[in-house]
C-alpha cells in the first residue's frame, strides 16, 4: 500500500566543484559546530565570561568529538566499516557514534578549560551549562546529514510524514517497503525543543551548575530510548534490544541521578539554594 503523502529523499548526498566532492554530511557538521559556538558564546557572555572562550574550546572539543565518535562507531559496528585500508577514517561512509562524539568532545573541552586555561571548577560547571543547549542545536543540525545519506530511519510507515527511501538504501528484508519512519527528524525536533527548555531554565537561574548539562544528558538519552525502538539499521543486540537502547537507558538514569545530586546535595557553606550570581572576572589577556 502506497502512502498518499511522504517526504522525498535527496537524489544526491552532496555536490561537486571541479574534482572535489562535498558531502552534505560534512557540510552539516560544519554548520552544526558554528551554531554550537554561537549559542554557547551568547549564553557564556551573559554569565560574564570571556567571549572568545567558546571558539577556543571548540578547537579542542570538535576534533576530540570526531575521534571519539568514530572510535565508538568502529567498536560497536565493525561490520559497517568500509572494506579498504582507509575505511576506518571514512566518517562520511558509516558515520559517527553520537555517544562517543559527546564523550570525546566533552573530554577535549574539559582538558582545554582545566589544563590549558586553568579555569576553576565552578566556572567550568557554568560553562558546561552554557554548552548543553548548544550541543543540542548542533546535534539537530548534524542530523540533516543523515537525511541526505538516507540513513538512520525507522520502521516501515505510511504516515503522511513518512520518508521515501531509495531501494539501494533499504536494509535487508525491507526491500518491499518504500517509506519509513523519519527517526532522525523526530530527534531533530526533540533536540530543538529540549534546547529551548534548557535555555529557559538557564535564564531563570534556578538550577545549580552543571545541572543543565545533567538534564541534557538525561533528556537526550531518554528520547533515544524511544528512538531505538523504531530504528531498523544494523546494530549489535543485547538481551533482544539494540546496544544503543541500553546506552541510552544508562545515560538517562545517570543524568537524572547526577542532576539530583547537584541540586539537592548540601553545599559546604550551608543549605542548598539557588546558584550564586556569576562572578567571572577576566583580564584583557583572557586568563581566568
C-alpha atoms as a PDB file:
ATOM      1  CA  UNK A   1       0.000   0.000   0.000  1.00  0.00           C
ATOM      2  CA  UNK A   2       1.471   3.303  -1.089  1.00  0.00           C
ATOM      3  CA  UNK A   3       1.031   6.326   1.187  1.00  0.00           C
ATOM      4  CA  UNK A   4      -0.882   9.327  -0.105  1.00  0.00           C
ATOM      5  CA  UNK A   5       1.901  11.649   1.052  1.00  0.00           C
ATOM      6  CA  UNK A   6       5.531  11.268   2.076  1.00  0.00           C
ATOM      7  CA  UNK A   7       8.809  13.141   2.462  1.00  0.00           C
ATOM      8  CA  UNK A   8      11.085  12.595  -0.553  1.00  0.00           C
ATOM      9  CA  UNK A   9      14.780  11.830  -0.078  1.00  0.00           C
ATOM     10  CA  UNK A  10      17.504  13.806  -1.859  1.00  0.00           C
ATOM     11  CA  UNK A  11      18.791  12.257  -5.065  1.00  0.00           C
ATOM     12  CA  UNK A  12      22.404  13.076  -4.124  1.00  0.00           C
ATOM     13  CA  UNK A  13      24.233  13.318  -0.803  1.00  0.00           C
ATOM     14  CA  UNK A  14      26.417  16.222  -1.875  1.00  0.00           C
ATOM     15  CA  UNK A  15      27.730  18.190  -4.829  1.00  0.00           C
ATOM     16  CA  UNK A  16      30.885  18.518  -6.892  1.00  0.00           C
ATOM     17  CA  UNK A  17      33.037  21.526  -7.644  1.00  0.00           C
ATOM     18  CA  UNK A  18      35.635  20.509 -10.179  1.00  0.00           C
ATOM     19  CA  UNK A  19      37.378  17.360  -8.947  1.00  0.00           C
ATOM     20  CA  UNK A  20      36.177  17.859  -5.370  1.00  0.00           C
ATOM     21  CA  UNK A  21      33.014  16.315  -3.938  1.00  0.00           C
ATOM     22  CA  UNK A  22      31.460  17.978  -0.906  1.00  0.00           C
ATOM     23  CA  UNK A  23      29.414  15.610   1.251  1.00  0.00           C
ATOM     24  CA  UNK A  24      26.240  17.037   2.779  1.00  0.00           C
ATOM     25  CA  UNK A  25      27.104  15.080   5.929  1.00  0.00           C
ATOM     26  CA  UNK A  26      30.322  17.035   6.392  1.00  0.00           C
ATOM     27  CA  UNK A  27      28.733  20.358   5.492  1.00  0.00           C
ATOM     28  CA  UNK A  28      26.016  19.772   8.079  1.00  0.00           C
ATOM     29  CA  UNK A  29      28.675  19.202  10.730  1.00  0.00           C
ATOM     30  CA  UNK A  30      30.423  22.454   9.840  1.00  0.00           C
ATOM     31  CA  UNK A  31      27.173  24.379  10.332  1.00  0.00           C
ATOM     32  CA  UNK A  32      26.482  22.380  13.494  1.00  0.00           C
ATOM     33  CA  UNK A  33      29.785  23.416  15.052  1.00  0.00           C
ATOM     34  CA  UNK A  34      29.241  27.052  14.048  1.00  0.00           C
ATOM     35  CA  UNK A  35      25.787  27.039  15.649  1.00  0.00           C
ATOM     36  CA  UNK A  36      27.118  25.432  18.827  1.00  0.00           C
ATOM     37  CA  UNK A  37      29.777  28.123  19.154  1.00  0.00           C
ATOM     38  CA  UNK A  38      27.294  30.945  18.603  1.00  0.00           C
ATOM     39  CA  UNK A  39      24.730  29.626  21.106  1.00  0.00           C
ATOM     40  CA  UNK A  40      27.281  28.812  23.801  1.00  0.00           C
ATOM     41  CA  UNK A  41      29.012  32.172  23.272  1.00  0.00           C
ATOM     42  CA  UNK A  42      25.785  34.089  23.736  1.00  0.00           C
ATOM     43  CA  UNK A  43      24.981  32.257  26.968  1.00  0.00           C
ATOM     44  CA  UNK A  44      28.545  32.433  28.255  1.00  0.00           C
ATOM     45  CA  UNK A  45      28.785  36.189  27.679  1.00  0.00           C
ATOM     46  CA  UNK A  46      25.538  36.613  29.622  1.00  0.00           C
ATOM     47  CA  UNK A  47      27.338  34.880  32.509  1.00  0.00           C
ATOM     48  CA  UNK A  48      30.092  37.467  32.370  1.00  0.00           C
ATOM     49  CA  UNK A  49      32.507  35.121  30.621  1.00  0.00           C
ATOM     50  CA  UNK A  50      35.164  35.830  28.032  1.00  0.00           C
ATOM     51  CA  UNK A  51      33.523  35.960  24.544  1.00  0.00           C
ATOM     52  CA  UNK A  52      36.317  34.085  22.776  1.00  0.00           C
ATOM     53  CA  UNK A  53      36.405  31.108  25.131  1.00  0.00           C
ATOM     54  CA  UNK A  54      33.749  29.060  23.239  1.00  0.00           C
ATOM     55  CA  UNK A  55      35.732  29.463  19.993  1.00  0.00           C
ATOM     56  CA  UNK A  56      38.968  28.362  21.613  1.00  0.00           C
ATOM     57  CA  UNK A  57      37.314  25.421  23.369  1.00  0.00           C
ATOM     58  CA  UNK A  58      35.769  24.242  20.091  1.00  0.00           C
ATOM     59  CA  UNK A  59      39.253  23.850  18.604  1.00  0.00           C
ATOM     60  CA  UNK A  60      39.814  21.101  21.163  1.00  0.00           C
ATOM     61  CA  UNK A  61      36.306  19.735  21.600  1.00  0.00           C
ATOM     62  CA  UNK A  62      35.343  19.339  17.942  1.00  0.00           C
ATOM     63  CA  UNK A  63      38.254  17.166  16.766  1.00  0.00           C
ATOM     64  CA  UNK A  64      38.124  15.174  20.002  1.00  0.00           C
ATOM     65  CA  UNK A  65      34.421  14.596  19.343  1.00  0.00           C
ATOM     66  CA  UNK A  66      35.098  13.408  15.791  1.00  0.00           C
ATOM     67  CA  UNK A  67      37.717  10.963  17.038  1.00  0.00           C
ATOM     68  CA  UNK A  68      35.526   9.723  19.881  1.00  0.00           C
ATOM     69  CA  UNK A  69      32.508   9.368  17.628  1.00  0.00           C
ATOM     70  CA  UNK A  70      34.396   7.375  15.029  1.00  0.00           C
ATOM     71  CA  UNK A  71      36.021   5.133  17.639  1.00  0.00           C
ATOM     72  CA  UNK A  72      32.618   4.373  19.163  1.00  0.00           C
ATOM     73  CA  UNK A  73      31.157   3.598  15.734  1.00  0.00           C
ATOM     74  CA  UNK A  74      34.031   1.311  14.754  1.00  0.00           C
ATOM     75  CA  UNK A  75      33.935  -0.569  18.074  1.00  0.00           C
ATOM     76  CA  UNK A  76      30.167  -1.080  18.169  1.00  0.00           C
ATOM     77  CA  UNK A  77      29.528  -1.692  14.452  1.00  0.00           C
ATOM     78  CA  UNK A  78      32.760  -3.041  12.932  1.00  0.00           C
ATOM     79  CA  UNK A  79      30.883  -4.773  10.115  1.00  0.00           C
ATOM     80  CA  UNK A  80      29.809  -1.352   8.798  1.00  0.00           C
ATOM     81  CA  UNK A  81      33.361  -0.073   8.260  1.00  0.00           C
ATOM     82  CA  UNK A  82      34.146   0.282   4.510  1.00  0.00           C
ATOM     83  CA  UNK A  83      36.337  -2.555   3.265  1.00  0.00           C
ATOM     84  CA  UNK A  84      39.509  -0.677   2.373  1.00  0.00           C
ATOM     85  CA  UNK A  85      42.578   0.460   4.294  1.00  0.00           C
ATOM     86  CA  UNK A  86      41.262   3.958   4.958  1.00  0.00           C
ATOM     87  CA  UNK A  87      37.735   2.797   5.776  1.00  0.00           C
ATOM     88  CA  UNK A  88      38.192   3.395   9.495  1.00  0.00           C
ATOM     89  CA  UNK A  89      38.707   7.099   8.768  1.00  0.00           C
ATOM     90  CA  UNK A  90      35.768   7.481   6.326  1.00  0.00           C
ATOM     91  CA  UNK A  91      33.331   9.281   8.619  1.00  0.00           C
ATOM     92  CA  UNK A  92      31.139  10.091   5.584  1.00  0.00           C
ATOM     93  CA  UNK A  93      30.640   6.355   4.972  1.00  0.00           C
ATOM     94  CA  UNK A  94      29.178   4.796   8.106  1.00  0.00           C
ATOM     95  CA  UNK A  95      29.349   7.966  10.159  1.00  0.00           C
ATOM     96  CA  UNK A  96      29.896   8.604  13.830  1.00  0.00           C
ATOM     97  CA  UNK A  97      28.540   7.248  17.090  1.00  0.00           C
ATOM     98  CA  UNK A  98      26.908  10.137  18.944  1.00  0.00           C
ATOM     99  CA  UNK A  99      27.753   8.706  22.361  1.00  0.00           C
ATOM    100  CA  UNK A 100      31.452   8.555  21.561  1.00  0.00           C
ATOM    101  CA  UNK A 101      31.260  12.005  19.983  1.00  0.00           C
ATOM    102  CA  UNK A 102      29.743  13.541  23.116  1.00  0.00           C
ATOM    103  CA  UNK A 103      32.232  11.804  25.399  1.00  0.00           C
ATOM    104  CA  UNK A 104      35.203  12.758  23.240  1.00  0.00           C
ATOM    105  CA  UNK A 105      34.071  16.347  22.771  1.00  0.00           C
ATOM    106  CA  UNK A 106      33.434  16.865  26.475  1.00  0.00           C
ATOM    107  CA  UNK A 107      36.783  15.316  27.388  1.00  0.00           C
ATOM    108  CA  UNK A 108      38.617  17.528  24.908  1.00  0.00           C
ATOM    109  CA  UNK A 109      36.818  20.636  26.099  1.00  0.00           C
ATOM    110  CA  UNK A 110      37.409  19.869  29.772  1.00  0.00           C
ATOM    111  CA  UNK A 111      41.102  19.253  29.132  1.00  0.00           C
ATOM    112  CA  UNK A 112      41.431  22.643  27.478  1.00  0.00           C
ATOM    113  CA  UNK A 113      39.446  24.531  30.103  1.00  0.00           C
ATOM    114  CA  UNK A 114      41.179  22.953  33.082  1.00  0.00           C
ATOM    115  CA  UNK A 115      44.714  22.253  31.891  1.00  0.00           C
ATOM    116  CA  UNK A 116      45.307  24.952  29.318  1.00  0.00           C
ATOM    117  CA  UNK A 117      43.161  27.820  30.629  1.00  0.00           C
ATOM    118  CA  UNK A 118      43.234  26.859  34.319  1.00  0.00           C
ATOM    119  CA  UNK A 119      39.583  27.699  34.976  1.00  0.00           C
ATOM    120  CA  UNK A 120      38.190  26.838  38.379  1.00  0.00           C
ATOM    121  CA  UNK A 121      35.668  24.012  38.585  1.00  0.00           C
ATOM    122  CA  UNK A 122      32.751  26.356  39.430  1.00  0.00           C
ATOM    123  CA  UNK A 123      33.489  28.347  36.265  1.00  0.00           C
ATOM    124  CA  UNK A 124      33.820  25.152  34.235  1.00  0.00           C
ATOM    125  CA  UNK A 125      30.458  23.975  35.543  1.00  0.00           C
ATOM    126  CA  UNK A 126      28.846  27.231  34.445  1.00  0.00           C
ATOM    127  CA  UNK A 127      30.479  26.887  31.049  1.00  0.00           C
ATOM    128  CA  UNK A 128      29.093  23.337  30.738  1.00  0.00           C
ATOM    129  CA  UNK A 129      25.584  24.683  31.339  1.00  0.00           C
ATOM    130  CA  UNK A 130      26.119  27.173  28.513  1.00  0.00           C
ATOM    131  CA  UNK A 131      27.289  24.399  26.217  1.00  0.00           C
ATOM    132  CA  UNK A 132      24.405  21.983  26.947  1.00  0.00           C
ATOM    133  CA  UNK A 133      21.721  23.659  24.773  1.00  0.00           C
ATOM    134  CA  UNK A 134      24.366  24.500  22.181  1.00  0.00           C
ATOM    135  CA  UNK A 135      25.185  20.807  21.781  1.00  0.00           C
ATOM    136  CA  UNK A 136      21.516  20.007  21.227  1.00  0.00           C
ATOM    137  CA  UNK A 137      21.263  22.621  18.478  1.00  0.00           C
ATOM    138  CA  UNK A 138      24.405  21.193  16.893  1.00  0.00           C
ATOM    139  CA  UNK A 139      23.068  17.642  17.054  1.00  0.00           C
ATOM    140  CA  UNK A 140      19.814  18.742  15.415  1.00  0.00           C
ATOM    141  CA  UNK A 141      21.685  20.358  12.515  1.00  0.00           C
ATOM    142  CA  UNK A 142      24.006  17.367  12.207  1.00  0.00           C
ATOM    143  CA  UNK A 143      21.007  15.062  11.639  1.00  0.00           C
ATOM    144  CA  UNK A 144      20.393  16.838   8.327  1.00  0.00           C
ATOM    145  CA  UNK A 145      23.387  14.889   7.045  1.00  0.00           C
ATOM    146  CA  UNK A 146      21.559  11.635   7.833  1.00  0.00           C
ATOM    147  CA  UNK A 147      18.667  12.849   5.667  1.00  0.00           C
ATOM    148  CA  UNK A 148      20.962  13.353   2.683  1.00  0.00           C
ATOM    149  CA  UNK A 149      22.630   9.978   3.290  1.00  0.00           C
ATOM    150  CA  UNK A 150      19.242   8.222   3.543  1.00  0.00           C
ATOM    151  CA  UNK A 151      20.199   6.565   6.814  1.00  0.00           C
ATOM    152  CA  UNK A 152      19.105   6.192  10.436  1.00  0.00           C
ATOM    153  CA  UNK A 153      15.425   5.873   9.623  1.00  0.00           C
ATOM    154  CA  UNK A 154      12.893   3.695  11.402  1.00  0.00           C
ATOM    155  CA  UNK A 155      10.332   1.033  10.699  1.00  0.00           C
ATOM    156  CA  UNK A 156       8.147   0.997   7.560  1.00  0.00           C
ATOM    157  CA  UNK A 157       5.351   3.563   7.774  1.00  0.00           C
ATOM    158  CA  UNK A 158       2.502   5.010   5.713  1.00  0.00           C
ATOM    159  CA  UNK A 159       2.188   8.173   7.801  1.00  0.00           C
ATOM    160  CA  UNK A 160       1.935  11.432   5.804  1.00  0.00           C
ATOM    161  CA  UNK A 161       5.412  12.393   7.023  1.00  0.00           C
ATOM    162  CA  UNK A 162       6.982   9.009   6.267  1.00  0.00           C
ATOM    163  CA  UNK A 163      10.301   9.188   4.435  1.00  0.00           C
ATOM    164  CA  UNK A 164      10.735   7.637   0.997  1.00  0.00           C
ATOM    165  CA  UNK A 165      13.956   5.651   0.796  1.00  0.00           C
ATOM    166  CA  UNK A 166      15.657   4.571  -2.422  1.00  0.00           C
ATOM    167  CA  UNK A 167      15.839   0.777  -2.915  1.00  0.00           C
ATOM    168  CA  UNK A 168      19.640   0.722  -2.590  1.00  0.00           C
ATOM    169  CA  UNK A 169      19.410   2.267   0.878  1.00  0.00           C
ATOM    170  CA  UNK A 170      16.779  -0.059   2.318  1.00  0.00           C
ATOM    171  CA  UNK A 171      18.007  -2.645   4.856  1.00  0.00           C
ATOM    172  CA  UNK A 172      17.942  -6.326   4.040  1.00  0.00           C
ATOM    173  CA  UNK A 173      14.443  -7.694   4.434  1.00  0.00           C
ATOM    174  CA  UNK A 174      12.765  -4.329   3.849  1.00  0.00           C
ATOM    175  CA  UNK A 175      13.120  -4.044   0.084  1.00  0.00           C
ATOM    176  CA  UNK A 176       9.369  -4.266  -0.465  1.00  0.00           C
ATOM    177  CA  UNK A 177       8.723  -1.130   1.604  1.00  0.00           C
ATOM    178  CA  UNK A 178       9.145   2.355   0.169  1.00  0.00           C
ATOM    179  CA  UNK A 179       8.511   4.699   3.097  1.00  0.00           C
ATOM    180  CA  UNK A 180       9.829   4.624   6.666  1.00  0.00           C
ATOM    181  CA  UNK A 181       9.676   6.495   9.976  1.00  0.00           C
ATOM    182  CA  UNK A 182      11.999   9.554   9.778  1.00  0.00           C
ATOM    183  CA  UNK A 183      13.526   8.959  13.199  1.00  0.00           C
ATOM    184  CA  UNK A 184      16.315  11.467  12.620  1.00  0.00           C
ATOM    185  CA  UNK A 185      13.621  14.109  12.035  1.00  0.00           C
ATOM    186  CA  UNK A 186      11.957  13.202  15.324  1.00  0.00           C
ATOM    187  CA  UNK A 187      15.324  13.590  17.014  1.00  0.00           C
ATOM    188  CA  UNK A 188      15.905  16.979  15.400  1.00  0.00           C
ATOM    189  CA  UNK A 189      12.580  18.262  16.719  1.00  0.00           C
ATOM    190  CA  UNK A 190      13.231  16.859  20.196  1.00  0.00           C
ATOM    191  CA  UNK A 191      16.736  18.320  20.341  1.00  0.00           C
ATOM    192  CA  UNK A 192      15.493  21.806  19.481  1.00  0.00           C
ATOM    193  CA  UNK A 193      12.633  21.624  21.980  1.00  0.00           C
ATOM    194  CA  UNK A 194      14.959  20.415  24.725  1.00  0.00           C
ATOM    195  CA  UNK A 195      17.483  23.133  23.857  1.00  0.00           C
ATOM    196  CA  UNK A 196      14.735  25.760  24.193  1.00  0.00           C
ATOM    197  CA  UNK A 197      13.717  24.321  27.565  1.00  0.00           C
ATOM    198  CA  UNK A 198      17.295  24.392  28.841  1.00  0.00           C
ATOM    199  CA  UNK A 199      17.758  27.998  27.703  1.00  0.00           C
ATOM    200  CA  UNK A 200      14.548  28.908  29.515  1.00  0.00           C
ATOM    201  CA  UNK A 201      15.874  27.295  32.690  1.00  0.00           C
ATOM    202  CA  UNK A 202      19.232  28.988  32.162  1.00  0.00           C
ATOM    203  CA  UNK A 203      17.601  32.423  32.019  1.00  0.00           C
ATOM    204  CA  UNK A 204      15.660  31.744  35.207  1.00  0.00           C
ATOM    205  CA  UNK A 205      18.922  30.895  37.029  1.00  0.00           C
ATOM    206  CA  UNK A 206      17.247  28.441  39.383  1.00  0.00           C
ATOM    207  CA  UNK A 207      19.393  25.410  38.555  1.00  0.00           C
ATOM    208  CA  UNK A 208      22.772  24.912  40.198  1.00  0.00           C
ATOM    209  CA  UNK A 209      25.563  24.262  37.657  1.00  0.00           C
ATOM    210  CA  UNK A 210      26.204  21.896  35.972  1.00  0.00           C
ATOM    211  CA  UNK A 211      22.584  20.833  36.416  1.00  0.00           C
ATOM    212  CA  UNK A 212      21.580  21.888  32.903  1.00  0.00           C
ATOM    213  CA  UNK A 213      24.277  19.671  31.437  1.00  0.00           C
ATOM    214  CA  UNK A 214      22.973  16.782  33.542  1.00  0.00           C
ATOM    215  CA  UNK A 215      19.470  17.441  32.183  1.00  0.00           C
ATOM    216  CA  UNK A 216      20.927  17.463  28.668  1.00  0.00           C
ATOM    217  CA  UNK A 217      22.402  14.012  29.229  1.00  0.00           C
ATOM    218  CA  UNK A 218      19.171  12.688  30.756  1.00  0.00           C
ATOM    219  CA  UNK A 219      16.817  14.350  28.266  1.00  0.00           C
ATOM    220  CA  UNK A 220      18.667  13.379  25.121  1.00  0.00           C
ATOM    221  CA  UNK A 221      19.214   9.838  26.364  1.00  0.00           C
ATOM    222  CA  UNK A 222      15.530   9.466  27.284  1.00  0.00           C
ATOM    223  CA  UNK A 223      14.476  10.304  23.748  1.00  0.00           C
ATOM    224  CA  UNK A 224      16.984   7.829  22.355  1.00  0.00           C
ATOM    225  CA  UNK A 225      15.306   5.060  24.369  1.00  0.00           C
ATOM    226  CA  UNK A 226      12.181   5.734  22.303  1.00  0.00           C
ATOM    227  CA  UNK A 227      14.085   6.208  19.059  1.00  0.00           C
ATOM    228  CA  UNK A 228      15.991   2.951  19.397  1.00  0.00           C
ATOM    229  CA  UNK A 229      12.683   1.032  19.476  1.00  0.00           C
ATOM    230  CA  UNK A 230      11.921   2.384  15.976  1.00  0.00           C
ATOM    231  CA  UNK A 231      15.247   2.197  14.157  1.00  0.00           C
ATOM    232  CA  UNK A 232      15.985  -0.762  11.892  1.00  0.00           C
ATOM    233  CA  UNK A 233      19.553  -0.051  10.761  1.00  0.00           C
ATOM    234  CA  UNK A 234      22.242  -2.542  11.734  1.00  0.00           C
ATOM    235  CA  UNK A 235      23.082  -2.749  15.434  1.00  0.00           C
ATOM    236  CA  UNK A 236      24.546  -5.147  17.937  1.00  0.00           C
ATOM    237  CA  UNK A 237      21.736  -6.527  20.129  1.00  0.00           C
ATOM    238  CA  UNK A 238      21.926  -7.368  23.833  1.00  0.00           C
ATOM    239  CA  UNK A 239      19.026  -9.201  25.501  1.00  0.00           C
ATOM    240  CA  UNK A 240      16.940  -8.602  22.407  1.00  0.00           C
ATOM    241  CA  UNK A 241      17.423  -4.820  22.382  1.00  0.00           C
ATOM    242  CA  UNK A 242      19.751  -2.618  20.378  1.00  0.00           C
ATOM    243  CA  UNK A 243      23.043  -1.710  22.059  1.00  0.00           C
ATOM    244  CA  UNK A 244      22.242   1.996  21.982  1.00  0.00           C
ATOM    245  CA  UNK A 245      18.962   1.318  23.783  1.00  0.00           C
ATOM    246  CA  UNK A 246      20.936   0.155  26.808  1.00  0.00           C
ATOM    247  CA  UNK A 247      23.428   3.011  26.480  1.00  0.00           C
ATOM    248  CA  UNK A 248      20.503   5.463  26.386  1.00  0.00           C
ATOM    249  CA  UNK A 249      18.892   3.831  29.416  1.00  0.00           C
ATOM    250  CA  UNK A 250      22.119   4.119  31.394  1.00  0.00           C
ATOM    251  CA  UNK A 251      22.533   7.722  30.215  1.00  0.00           C
ATOM    252  CA  UNK A 252      19.014   8.630  31.326  1.00  0.00           C
ATOM    253  CA  UNK A 253      19.410   7.144  34.797  1.00  0.00           C
ATOM    254  CA  UNK A 254      22.904   8.557  35.226  1.00  0.00           C
ATOM    255  CA  UNK A 255      21.812  12.026  34.077  1.00  0.00           C
ATOM    256  CA  UNK A 256      18.849  12.103  36.445  1.00  0.00           C
ATOM    257  CA  UNK A 257      20.950  10.876  39.369  1.00  0.00           C
ATOM    258  CA  UNK A 258      23.634  13.446  38.566  1.00  0.00           C
ATOM    259  CA  UNK A 259      21.041  16.238  38.388  1.00  0.00           C
ATOM    260  CA  UNK A 260      19.525  15.223  41.725  1.00  0.00           C
ATOM    261  CA  UNK A 261      22.937  15.121  43.368  1.00  0.00           C
ATOM    262  CA  UNK A 262      23.844  18.570  42.028  1.00  0.00           C
ATOM    263  CA  UNK A 263      20.605  20.200  43.113  1.00  0.00           C
ATOM    264  CA  UNK A 264      19.991  18.547  46.451  1.00  0.00           C
ATOM    265  CA  UNK A 265      23.465  17.951  47.807  1.00  0.00           C
ATOM    266  CA  UNK A 266      24.009  20.226  50.776  1.00  0.00           C
ATOM    267  CA  UNK A 267      26.899  22.600  49.995  1.00  0.00           C
ATOM    268  CA  UNK A 268      29.728  23.008  52.499  1.00  0.00           C
ATOM    269  CA  UNK A 269      28.671  26.555  53.350  1.00  0.00           C
ATOM    270  CA  UNK A 270      25.034  25.863  54.219  1.00  0.00           C
ATOM    271  CA  UNK A 271      21.734  24.518  52.865  1.00  0.00           C
ATOM    272  CA  UNK A 272      21.075  24.049  49.191  1.00  0.00           C
ATOM    273  CA  UNK A 273      19.620  27.009  47.358  1.00  0.00           C
ATOM    274  CA  UNK A 274      19.672  28.850  44.029  1.00  0.00           C
ATOM    275  CA  UNK A 275      23.064  29.243  42.351  1.00  0.00           C
ATOM    276  CA  UNK A 276      25.031  32.312  43.254  1.00  0.00           C
ATOM    277  CA  UNK A 277      25.249  35.071  40.639  1.00  0.00           C
ATOM    278  CA  UNK A 278      28.096  34.879  38.137  1.00  0.00           C
ATOM    279  CA  UNK A 279      31.401  36.167  39.413  1.00  0.00           C
ATOM    280  CA  UNK A 280      33.691  35.598  36.444  1.00  0.00           C
ATOM    281  CA  UNK A 281      36.354  38.221  36.006  1.00  0.00           C
ATOM    282  CA  UNK A 282      38.783  38.150  33.104  1.00  0.00           C
ATOM    283  CA  UNK A 283      41.842  40.203  32.366  1.00  0.00           C
ATOM    284  CA  UNK A 284      42.441  41.589  28.901  1.00  0.00           C
ATOM    285  CA  UNK A 285      44.653  38.604  28.172  1.00  0.00           C
ATOM    286  CA  UNK A 286      41.662  36.316  28.635  1.00  0.00           C
ATOM    287  CA  UNK A 287      43.135  34.297  31.501  1.00  0.00           C
ATOM    288  CA  UNK A 288      40.694  33.386  34.239  1.00  0.00           C
END
